[in-house]
Amino acid sequence: MVSKPREPQTVPENFNPIAWLKYGRAVTININFSQGAFQMLPVPGTYQAKTVETTVYQKDTGVVIMAAVFETAPDTTITGYFTLVLKDGSISAKTVENLRNVYGWDGQDFFWLDETDLSGVPVQIVVNEEPDLKGVLRPNVKWLNRPGEHGATPAKMEKATKDSLRAKFGAQLRAIAGTMTTKPAPKPAPPKPSMPPAVQSAEVNYAPKGAPVAPCTMPEAWAAFCDASGGKWTQPGLSQEWFAAVAALCGKEQTQVTPEGWGAFVAAVKAGYFNDKVAV
């Protein structure tokens, strides 16, 4: 079906005139207050996206909605709205099942979606254009899927309001979740620790024989490791090299290394570990 040519229109208030002229269409601007920057809306299409922010809130009509800000490219975001509770007070089982499938939510507490960092969960969104009440075409999130499957975010609700909604709809959510056949997607991975995670390797000598060993803690060993690098490494590069050093010099999990072992590690590092390393 061929779309009819669009008639020239006056640029509405709060629209970007440059984008309007360039694309011949209404391209709104979202203001992302958390980043303090203007964000373009994506054109219709299917995108691999990152969930930047989520909020669960209730409208005056009683409808409960999850709003999610999706980033499809640098400086390009769009907010999707997913109705959890309908006007008649019933839960939207279809929406609950969709969000369980995509995010790994167990379907039993709305505010898991509000309080969990979902930025590490890859998603796919389908953006369509639909006319608003004034007939102006606006992009909107039509579908939210797992990858490969075919405005501003409202303020966070207060704890007392969340608890009230939990009490009101918790039983319905648990009942619906118990009857669903789809399994939740894997939950988001926990954030990376400030220190590299534990590694394992074969046992090797810690340091040259006769090297002085002063017992120390793992944070002290990390500080000595950074000092020995000479300050020429990037933080990601140095963290990655820490993996290799612990594997080569310790031969056991970090949590199992004794203070004497960390002392020997430091001695080995100071003995010239970085001599043949190229800073990255």
Protein backbone atom coordinates (compact mmCIF):
# COMPACT_ATOMS: atom_id res chain seq x y z
CA MET A 1 0.00 0.00 0.00
CA VAL A 2 1.42 3.38 -1.05
CA SER A 3 1.17 6.15 1.53
CA LYS A 4 -0.35 9.45 0.48
CA PRO A 5 2.08 12.38 0.28
CA ARG A 6 2.05 14.41 3.45
CA GLU A 7 0.83 17.97 3.24
CA PRO A 8 3.16 20.74 4.47
CA GLN A 9 2.45 21.56 8.09
CA THR A 10 3.45 24.26 10.52
CA VAL A 11 6.16 23.10 12.88
CA PRO A 12 4.35 22.52 16.19
CA GLU A 13 5.66 23.86 19.46
CA ASN A 14 8.35 21.69 21.12
CA PHE A 15 9.29 20.08 17.81
CA ASN A 16 12.72 20.27 16.23
CA PRO A 17 12.42 22.43 13.06
CA ILE A 18 15.72 21.21 11.60
CA ALA A 19 14.64 17.57 11.88
CA TRP A 20 11.19 18.48 10.55
CA LEU A 21 12.65 20.03 7.41
CA LYS A 22 15.25 17.30 6.90
CA TYR A 23 12.90 14.34 7.15
CA GLY A 24 9.65 15.98 6.05
CA ARG A 25 8.00 14.66 9.17
CA ALA A 26 7.48 15.45 12.84
CA VAL A 27 10.51 14.41 14.81
CA THR A 28 10.12 15.23 18.48
CA ILE A 29 12.86 15.80 20.98
CA ASN A 30 13.03 14.00 24.31
CA ILE A 31 14.86 15.72 27.14
CA ASN A 32 16.86 13.18 29.11
CA PHE A 33 17.28 14.95 32.43
CA SER A 34 19.58 12.27 33.82
CA GLN A 35 22.06 12.94 31.02
CA GLY A 36 21.27 16.61 30.58
CA ALA A 37 21.06 16.24 26.80
CA PHE A 38 18.56 16.39 23.96
CA GLN A 39 17.68 13.04 22.40
CA MET A 40 16.29 12.37 18.91
CA LEU A 41 13.47 9.89 18.39
CA PRO A 42 14.18 6.95 16.05
CA VAL A 43 12.39 6.61 12.71
CA PRO A 44 10.11 3.56 12.22
CA GLY A 45 11.96 0.27 12.12
CA THR A 46 13.29 -2.62 14.20
CA TYR A 47 16.18 -1.87 16.55
CA GLN A 48 18.50 -3.64 18.95
CA ALA A 49 18.18 -1.39 21.98
CA LYS A 50 19.37 -0.75 25.52
CA THR A 51 16.93 -0.09 28.36
CA VAL A 52 18.24 3.16 29.85
CA GLU A 53 15.61 3.76 32.53
CA THR A 54 12.33 2.29 33.78
CA THR A 55 9.52 3.67 35.93
CA VAL A 56 6.29 2.09 37.18
CA TYR A 57 3.53 4.60 37.93
CA GLN A 58 -0.27 4.86 38.29
CA LYS A 59 -2.52 7.27 36.39
CA ASP A 60 -5.60 8.99 37.82
CA THR A 61 -7.77 6.42 36.02
CA GLY A 62 -6.18 3.61 38.09
CA VAL A 63 -4.18 2.29 35.15
CA VAL A 64 -0.67 1.12 36.14
CA ILE A 65 2.03 1.55 33.51
CA MET A 66 5.70 0.75 33.12
CA ALA A 67 7.52 3.40 31.10
CA ALA A 68 10.90 2.39 29.67
CA VAL A 69 13.41 4.61 27.90
CA PHE A 70 15.17 2.71 25.09
CA GLU A 71 18.41 3.87 23.46
CA THR A 72 18.73 2.72 19.86
CA ALA A 73 21.85 4.75 19.01
CA PRO A 74 23.89 7.54 20.59
CA ASP A 75 21.60 10.54 21.23
CA THR A 76 18.58 8.58 19.96
CA THR A 77 16.01 7.38 22.50
CA ILE A 78 12.32 6.61 22.66
CA THR A 79 10.02 5.90 25.59
CA GLY A 80 7.73 2.88 25.47
CA TYR A 81 4.63 2.50 27.66
CA PHE A 82 3.41 -0.92 28.83
CA THR A 83 0.05 -1.21 30.61
CA LEU A 84 0.23 -3.54 33.60
CA VAL A 85 -3.22 -2.86 35.13
CA LEU A 86 -6.25 -1.94 32.99
CA LYS A 87 -8.97 0.62 33.81
CA ASP A 88 -11.24 -2.10 35.15
CA GLY A 89 -8.63 -3.07 37.74
CA SER A 90 -7.61 -6.32 36.06
CA ILE A 91 -4.01 -7.16 35.28
CA SER A 92 -2.91 -7.28 31.64
CA ALA A 93 -1.70 -10.87 31.48
CA LYS A 94 -0.34 -10.34 27.97
CA THR A 95 1.90 -7.48 29.09
CA VAL A 96 3.05 -9.34 32.19
CA GLU A 97 3.99 -12.39 30.12
CA ASN A 98 5.85 -10.22 27.58
CA LEU A 99 7.92 -8.50 30.27
CA ARG A 100 8.65 -11.82 31.96
CA ASN A 101 9.89 -13.19 28.66
CA VAL A 102 12.10 -10.20 27.86
CA TYR A 103 13.53 -9.18 31.22
CA GLY A 104 13.44 -12.32 33.34
CA TRP A 105 10.89 -10.83 35.74
CA ASP A 106 9.10 -13.44 37.85
CA GLY A 107 5.82 -11.58 37.35
CA GLN A 108 5.05 -11.21 41.05
CA ASP A 109 5.97 -7.62 41.89
CA PHE A 110 5.48 -4.62 39.58
CA PHE A 111 8.27 -2.71 41.22
CA TRP A 112 10.96 -5.23 40.37
CA LEU A 113 10.71 -3.59 36.94
CA ASP A 114 11.08 -0.18 38.59
CA GLU A 115 13.90 -1.00 40.99
CA THR A 116 16.08 -3.39 38.95
CA ASP A 117 18.85 -2.17 36.65
CA LEU A 118 17.81 -3.65 33.30
CA SER A 119 20.46 -1.92 31.19
CA GLY A 120 22.39 -5.17 30.81
CA VAL A 121 19.49 -7.05 29.21
CA PRO A 122 19.60 -6.88 25.38
CA VAL A 123 16.20 -6.11 23.86
CA GLN A 124 14.66 -5.53 20.47
CA ILE A 125 12.02 -2.89 19.85
CA VAL A 126 9.77 -2.25 16.87
CA VAL A 127 9.02 1.43 16.29
CA ASN A 128 5.91 2.45 14.33
CA GLU A 129 4.31 5.78 13.52
CA GLU A 130 0.75 6.50 14.60
CA PRO A 131 -1.28 9.73 14.56
CA ASP A 132 -1.88 11.45 17.87
CA LEU A 133 -5.18 13.12 18.84
CA LYS A 134 -4.37 16.00 16.51
CA GLY A 135 -3.51 13.73 13.60
CA VAL A 136 0.25 14.34 13.82
CA LEU A 137 2.31 11.23 13.17
CA ARG A 138 4.43 10.29 16.17
CA PRO A 139 6.89 7.40 16.63
CA ASN A 140 5.93 4.88 19.31
CA VAL A 141 7.19 1.54 20.58
CA LYS A 142 4.85 -1.03 19.07
CA TRP A 143 6.56 -4.23 20.24
CA LEU A 144 9.19 -5.22 22.79
CA ASN A 145 10.97 -8.54 22.18
CA ARG A 146 14.03 -10.52 23.01
CA PRO A 147 16.71 -10.01 20.32
CA GLY A 148 15.91 -12.15 17.29
CA GLU A 149 12.21 -12.44 18.12
CA HIS A 150 9.52 -11.57 15.84
CA GLY A 151 8.44 11.69 26.26
CA ALA A 152 9.93 11.98 29.48
CA THR A 153 9.71 9.23 32.04
CA PRO A 154 7.24 9.91 34.88
CA ALA A 155 8.66 10.42 38.35
CA LYS A 156 9.30 7.44 40.58
CA MET A 157 6.47 6.57 42.95
CA GLU A 158 6.85 6.96 46.69
CA LYS A 159 7.39 3.80 48.78
CA ALA A 160 4.00 4.11 50.47
CA THR A 161 2.25 4.19 47.09
CA LYS A 162 4.26 1.23 45.86
CA ASP A 163 3.35 -0.76 48.98
CA SER A 164 -0.31 0.10 48.46
CA LEU A 165 -0.25 -1.21 44.88
CA ARG A 166 1.70 -4.29 45.95
CA ALA A 167 -0.99 -5.08 48.51
CA LYS A 168 -3.79 -4.47 46.01
CA PHE A 169 -2.44 -6.42 43.02
CA GLY A 170 0.17 -8.79 44.50
CA ALA A 171 -2.22 -11.73 44.82
CA GLN A 172 -3.44 -11.33 41.22
CA LEU A 173 0.14 -11.14 39.93
CA ARG A 174 1.20 -14.26 41.80
CA ALA A 175 -1.85 -16.16 40.61
CA ILE A 176 -1.25 -15.23 36.96
CA ALA A 177 2.49 -15.91 37.18
CA GLY A 178 1.77 -19.38 38.53
CA THR A 179 -0.34 -20.32 35.50
CA MET A 180 2.03 -19.06 32.78
CA THR A 181 3.97 -21.57 30.73
CA THR A 182 6.74 -19.29 29.45
CA LYS A 183 9.93 -19.22 31.48
CA PRO A 184 11.47 -15.90 32.45
CA ALA A 185 14.53 -14.86 30.48
CA PRO A 186 17.89 -14.99 32.27
CA LYS A 187 18.08 -12.25 34.86
CA PRO A 188 20.53 -9.37 34.38
CA ALA A 189 24.10 -10.15 35.31
CA PRO A 190 25.23 -8.56 38.57
CA PRO A 191 27.38 -5.44 38.20
CA LYS A 192 31.09 -6.04 37.83
CA PRO A 193 33.05 -5.63 41.06
CA SER A 194 35.60 -2.86 41.38
CA MET A 195 38.28 -5.53 41.45
CA PRO A 196 38.51 -8.18 38.68
CA PRO A 197 36.69 -11.43 39.54
CA ALA A 198 38.47 -14.55 40.71
CA VAL A 199 40.50 -16.58 38.22
CA GLN A 200 42.04 -20.05 38.31
CA SER A 201 45.17 -21.55 36.74
CA ALA A 202 47.81 -24.19 37.36
CA GLU A 203 50.07 -23.80 40.39
CA VAL A 204 53.32 -21.96 39.63
CA ASN A 205 55.98 -20.25 41.73
CA TYR A 206 54.97 -16.88 43.08
CA ALA A 207 58.27 -15.08 42.83
CA PRO A 208 62.00 -15.66 42.29
CA LYS A 209 63.59 -17.62 45.11
CA GLY A 210 65.01 -15.41 47.82
CA ALA A 211 62.76 -12.44 46.94
CA PRO A 212 61.69 -10.58 50.09
CA VAL A 213 58.08 -11.25 51.03
CA ALA A 214 56.01 -8.95 53.25
CA PRO A 215 52.43 -10.18 53.86
CA CYS A 216 49.73 -7.85 52.56
CA THR A 217 46.06 -7.71 51.61
CA MET A 218 44.54 -8.02 48.16
CA PRO A 219 43.75 -4.24 47.94
CA GLU A 220 47.38 -3.55 48.85
CA ALA A 221 48.50 -6.00 46.16
CA TRP A 222 46.26 -4.22 43.65
CA ALA A 223 47.76 -0.84 44.61
CA ALA A 224 51.29 -2.23 44.22
CA PHE A 225 50.32 -3.75 40.86
CA CYS A 226 49.07 -0.38 39.64
CA ASP A 227 52.24 1.36 40.84
CA ALA A 228 54.46 -1.21 39.11
CA SER A 229 52.67 -0.58 35.81
CA GLY A 230 54.26 2.87 35.64
CA GLY A 231 51.01 4.76 35.12
CA LYS A 232 51.02 4.15 31.36
CA TRP A 233 48.09 1.74 31.19
CA THR A 234 44.42 2.50 30.69
CA GLN A 235 42.08 1.31 33.44
CA PRO A 236 40.48 -1.42 31.25
CA GLY A 237 43.92 -2.57 30.07
CA LEU A 238 45.32 -2.72 33.58
CA SER A 239 42.28 -4.62 34.87
CA GLN A 240 42.67 -7.18 32.09
CA GLU A 241 46.37 -7.55 32.84
CA TRP A 242 45.49 -8.18 36.49
CA PHE A 243 43.61 -11.28 35.32
CA ALA A 244 46.72 -12.57 33.59
CA ALA A 245 49.01 -11.75 36.50
CA VAL A 246 46.86 -13.49 39.11
CA ALA A 247 46.55 -16.53 36.85
CA ALA A 248 50.28 -16.70 36.21
CA LEU A 249 51.59 -15.85 39.67
CA CYS A 250 48.94 -17.11 42.10
CA GLY A 251 47.42 -20.21 40.58
CA LYS A 252 44.30 -20.07 42.77
CA GLU A 253 41.18 -18.00 43.34
CA GLN A 254 41.74 -14.53 44.72
CA THR A 255 39.65 -15.29 47.78
CA GLN A 256 41.97 -18.21 48.60
CA VAL A 257 45.27 -16.32 48.42
CA THR A 258 46.83 -15.79 51.84
CA PRO A 259 48.48 -12.55 53.00
CA GLU A 260 51.83 -14.28 52.45
CA GLY A 261 50.70 -15.24 48.97
CA TRP A 262 49.79 -11.63 48.14
CA GLY A 263 53.17 -10.59 49.50
CA ALA A 264 54.88 -13.03 47.14
CA PHE A 265 52.67 -11.75 44.29
CA VAL A 266 53.80 -8.18 44.99
CA ALA A 267 57.44 -9.30 45.12
CA ALA A 268 57.08 -10.99 41.74
CA VAL A 269 55.41 -7.94 40.22
CA LYS A 270 58.13 -5.64 41.54
CA ALA A 271 60.81 -8.04 40.30
CA GLY A 272 59.98 -7.08 36.72
CA TYR A 273 56.57 -8.43 35.75
CA PHE A 274 55.87 -5.39 33.55
CA ASN A 275 59.31 -5.38 31.84
CA ASP A 276 58.08 -7.28 28.78
CA LYS A 277 54.52 -5.93 28.80
CA VAL A 278 53.19 -3.40 26.33
CA ALA A 279 50.85 -0.87 27.91
CA VAL A 280 47.31 -0.84 26.50
